[in-house]
Amino acid sequence: MNASQLANRMQLDYKTIRHHLGVLTENKLLESGGGNYGSMYFLSPQLESNFQIVEEILGKIGKEKEDTSKPT
């Protein structure tokens, strides 16, 4: 997806999306292609090869949120 598509899909401000895409690209988690206007963003090979770790982290975060939202 490009920045505009991501902003629409995530219902976030375009400038916010561009900022975060820049940070993720700078840290080699995303790669862009297609030039500046309408650049598409893809997972970097580094992130793809370690995506199982990302899924584990997200699973733990989700479980923690569930645990904290349950009444005691």
N, C-alpha and C. Protein backbone atom coordinates (compact mmCIF):
# COMPACT_ATOMS: atom_id res chain seq x y z
N MET A 1 0.84 -1.18 0.00
CA MET A 1 0.00 0.00 0.00
C MET A 1 0.89 1.24 0.00
N ASN A 2 0.33 2.33 -0.45
CA ASN A 2 1.05 3.59 -0.35
C ASN A 2 0.56 4.34 0.90
N ALA A 3 1.15 5.48 1.18
CA ALA A 3 0.84 6.22 2.41
C ALA A 3 -0.63 6.64 2.47
N SER A 4 -1.17 7.07 1.36
CA SER A 4 -2.56 7.49 1.33
C SER A 4 -3.51 6.32 1.62
N GLN A 5 -3.23 5.18 1.00
CA GLN A 5 -4.06 3.99 1.25
C GLN A 5 -3.98 3.56 2.70
N LEU A 6 -2.77 3.59 3.26
CA LEU A 6 -2.61 3.23 4.67
C LEU A 6 -3.37 4.18 5.58
N ALA A 7 -3.29 5.48 5.30
CA ALA A 7 -3.98 6.48 6.11
C ALA A 7 -5.49 6.22 6.09
N ASN A 8 -6.02 5.96 4.90
CA ASN A 8 -7.45 5.68 4.79
C ASN A 8 -7.82 4.40 5.52
N ARG A 9 -7.06 3.35 5.29
CA ARG A 9 -7.36 2.04 5.89
C ARG A 9 -7.28 2.08 7.41
N MET A 10 -6.29 2.81 7.94
CA MET A 10 -6.08 2.87 9.38
C MET A 10 -6.84 4.03 10.03
N GLN A 11 -7.48 4.84 9.21
CA GLN A 11 -8.21 6.02 9.68
C GLN A 11 -7.33 6.93 10.54
N LEU A 12 -6.14 7.21 10.00
CA LEU A 12 -5.18 8.10 10.65
C LEU A 12 -4.80 9.22 9.70
N ASP A 13 -4.25 10.28 10.26
CA ASP A 13 -3.80 11.43 9.49
C ASP A 13 -2.67 11.04 8.55
N TYR A 14 -2.72 11.53 7.32
CA TYR A 14 -1.71 11.23 6.31
C TYR A 14 -0.30 11.59 6.78
N LYS A 15 -0.15 12.77 7.40
CA LYS A 15 1.17 13.20 7.86
C LYS A 15 1.71 12.28 8.94
N THR A 16 0.83 11.77 9.79
CA THR A 16 1.24 10.82 10.83
C THR A 16 1.75 9.53 10.19
N ILE A 17 1.03 9.06 9.19
CA ILE A 17 1.44 7.85 8.48
C ILE A 17 2.80 8.06 7.82
N ARG A 18 2.97 9.19 7.13
CA ARG A 18 4.25 9.48 6.46
C ARG A 18 5.40 9.50 7.46
N HIS A 19 5.17 10.11 8.62
CA HIS A 19 6.21 10.16 9.65
C HIS A 19 6.62 8.76 10.07
N HIS A 20 5.64 7.92 10.39
CA HIS A 20 5.94 6.58 10.87
C HIS A 20 6.53 5.69 9.78
N LEU A 21 6.10 5.88 8.54
CA LEU A 21 6.71 5.14 7.44
C LEU A 21 8.18 5.52 7.31
N GLY A 22 8.48 6.80 7.50
CA GLY A 22 9.87 7.26 7.45
C GLY A 22 10.71 6.61 8.54
N VAL A 23 10.17 6.55 9.75
CA VAL A 23 10.89 5.94 10.88
C VAL A 23 11.10 4.45 10.62
N LEU A 24 10.06 3.76 10.15
CA LEU A 24 10.17 2.33 9.89
C LEU A 24 11.14 2.04 8.74
N THR A 25 11.16 2.90 7.74
CA THR A 25 12.08 2.73 6.61
C THR A 25 13.51 3.01 7.07
N GLU A 26 13.69 4.06 7.84
CA GLU A 26 15.00 4.43 8.36
C GLU A 26 15.60 3.30 9.21
N ASN A 27 14.74 2.58 9.92
CA ASN A 27 15.20 1.49 10.78
C ASN A 27 15.17 0.14 10.08
N LYS A 28 15.03 0.18 8.76
CA LYS A 28 15.11 -0.99 7.90
C LYS A 28 14.06 -2.06 8.20
N LEU A 29 12.88 -1.61 8.61
CA LEU A 29 11.76 -2.53 8.83
C LEU A 29 10.84 -2.55 7.62
N LEU A 30 10.87 -1.46 6.85
CA LEU A 30 10.10 -1.36 5.61
C LEU A 30 11.02 -0.93 4.49
N GLU A 31 10.59 -1.25 3.26
CA GLU A 31 11.27 -0.76 2.07
C GLU A 31 10.21 -0.10 1.20
N SER A 32 10.62 0.93 0.49
CA SER A 32 9.67 1.59 -0.41
C SER A 32 10.10 1.37 -1.84
N GLY A 33 9.12 1.43 -2.72
CA GLY A 33 9.41 1.27 -4.14
C GLY A 33 8.44 2.09 -4.95
N GLY A 34 8.86 2.49 -6.14
CA GLY A 34 7.97 3.21 -7.04
C GLY A 34 8.16 4.71 -7.05
N GLY A 35 9.24 5.22 -6.54
CA GLY A 35 9.48 6.65 -6.55
C GLY A 35 8.83 7.35 -5.37
N ASN A 36 8.91 8.67 -5.34
CA ASN A 36 8.40 9.43 -4.19
C ASN A 36 6.88 9.51 -4.17
N TYR A 37 6.28 9.88 -5.29
CA TYR A 37 4.83 10.02 -5.32
C TYR A 37 4.20 8.65 -5.48
N GLY A 38 3.36 8.28 -4.54
CA GLY A 38 2.68 7.00 -4.61
C GLY A 38 3.55 5.81 -4.29
N SER A 39 4.67 6.05 -3.59
CA SER A 39 5.55 4.94 -3.23
C SER A 39 4.78 3.87 -2.47
N MET A 40 5.08 2.64 -2.81
CA MET A 40 4.48 1.51 -2.13
C MET A 40 5.45 1.06 -1.04
N TYR A 41 4.93 0.56 0.05
CA TYR A 41 5.76 0.12 1.16
C TYR A 41 5.58 -1.37 1.38
N PHE A 42 6.71 -2.03 1.63
CA PHE A 42 6.75 -3.48 1.80
C PHE A 42 7.58 -3.82 3.03
N LEU A 43 7.32 -4.98 3.61
CA LEU A 43 8.16 -5.45 4.70
C LEU A 43 9.56 -5.67 4.16
N SER A 44 10.57 -5.31 4.94
CA SER A 44 11.95 -5.55 4.52
C SER A 44 12.26 -7.04 4.66
N PRO A 45 13.27 -7.53 3.96
CA PRO A 45 13.66 -8.93 4.12
C PRO A 45 14.00 -9.27 5.58
N GLN A 46 14.63 -8.32 6.29
CA GLN A 46 14.96 -8.53 7.70
C GLN A 46 13.70 -8.76 8.52
N LEU A 47 12.70 -7.93 8.32
CA LEU A 47 11.46 -8.06 9.08
C LEU A 47 10.73 -9.34 8.68
N GLU A 48 10.70 -9.63 7.39
CA GLU A 48 10.02 -10.85 6.93
C GLU A 48 10.65 -12.09 7.55
N SER A 49 11.98 -12.13 7.62
CA SER A 49 12.64 -13.33 8.14
C SER A 49 12.45 -13.47 9.65
N ASN A 50 12.07 -12.40 10.32
CA ASN A 50 11.86 -12.45 11.77
C ASN A 50 10.40 -12.20 12.16
N PHE A 51 9.49 -12.34 11.21
CA PHE A 51 8.10 -11.97 11.47
C PHE A 51 7.45 -12.85 12.53
N GLN A 52 7.91 -14.08 12.69
CA GLN A 52 7.36 -14.95 13.73
C GLN A 52 7.58 -14.33 15.11
N ILE A 53 8.71 -13.69 15.31
CA ILE A 53 9.00 -13.02 16.58
C ILE A 53 8.03 -11.86 16.78
N VAL A 54 7.76 -11.11 15.73
CA VAL A 54 6.81 -9.99 15.80
C VAL A 54 5.43 -10.52 16.20
N GLU A 55 5.00 -11.62 15.59
CA GLU A 55 3.69 -12.20 15.91
C GLU A 55 3.64 -12.66 17.37
N GLU A 56 4.74 -13.22 17.88
CA GLU A 56 4.78 -13.64 19.28
C GLU A 56 4.64 -12.43 20.21
N ILE A 57 5.33 -11.36 19.89
CA ILE A 57 5.25 -10.14 20.71
C ILE A 57 3.83 -9.58 20.68
N LEU A 58 3.24 -9.51 19.50
CA LEU A 58 1.88 -8.99 19.39
C LEU A 58 0.90 -9.88 20.15
N GLY A 59 1.12 -11.19 20.12
CA GLY A 59 0.27 -12.11 20.88
C GLY A 59 0.36 -11.86 22.37
N LYS A 60 1.58 -11.62 22.86
CA LYS A 60 1.77 -11.34 24.28
C LYS A 60 1.12 -10.01 24.67
N ILE A 61 1.25 -9.02 23.81
CA ILE A 61 0.64 -7.72 24.08
C ILE A 61 -0.88 -7.87 24.13
N GLY A 62 -1.44 -8.60 23.17
CA GLY A 62 -2.88 -8.83 23.15
C GLY A 62 -3.36 -9.55 24.39
N LYS A 63 -2.60 -10.54 24.83
CA LYS A 63 -2.97 -11.30 26.04
C LYS A 63 -2.92 -10.39 27.27
N GLU A 64 -1.90 -9.55 27.36
CA GLU A 64 -1.79 -8.61 28.48
C GLU A 64 -2.97 -7.65 28.50
N LYS A 65 -3.38 -7.17 27.33
CA LYS A 65 -4.53 -6.26 27.26
C LYS A 65 -5.79 -6.96 27.73
N GLU A 66 -5.96 -8.22 27.33
CA GLU A 66 -7.13 -8.99 27.77
C GLU A 66 -7.12 -9.16 29.28
N ASP A 67 -5.96 -9.47 29.83
CA ASP A 67 -5.84 -9.69 31.28
C ASP A 67 -6.13 -8.42 32.07
N THR A 68 -5.71 -7.28 31.57
CA THR A 68 -5.92 -6.03 32.30
C THR A 68 -7.35 -5.52 32.14
N SER A 69 -8.05 -5.97 31.11
CA SER A 69 -9.41 -5.48 30.91
C SER A 69 -10.44 -6.33 31.66
N LYS A 70 -10.04 -7.48 32.18
CA LYS A 70 -10.95 -8.34 32.92
C LYS A 70 -11.12 -7.79 34.34
N PRO A 71 -12.35 -7.75 34.83
CA PRO A 71 -12.56 -7.30 36.22
C PRO A 71 -11.99 -8.32 37.20
N THR A 72 -11.46 -7.83 38.29
CA THR A 72 -10.89 -8.73 39.30
C THR A 72 -11.83 -8.98 40.44
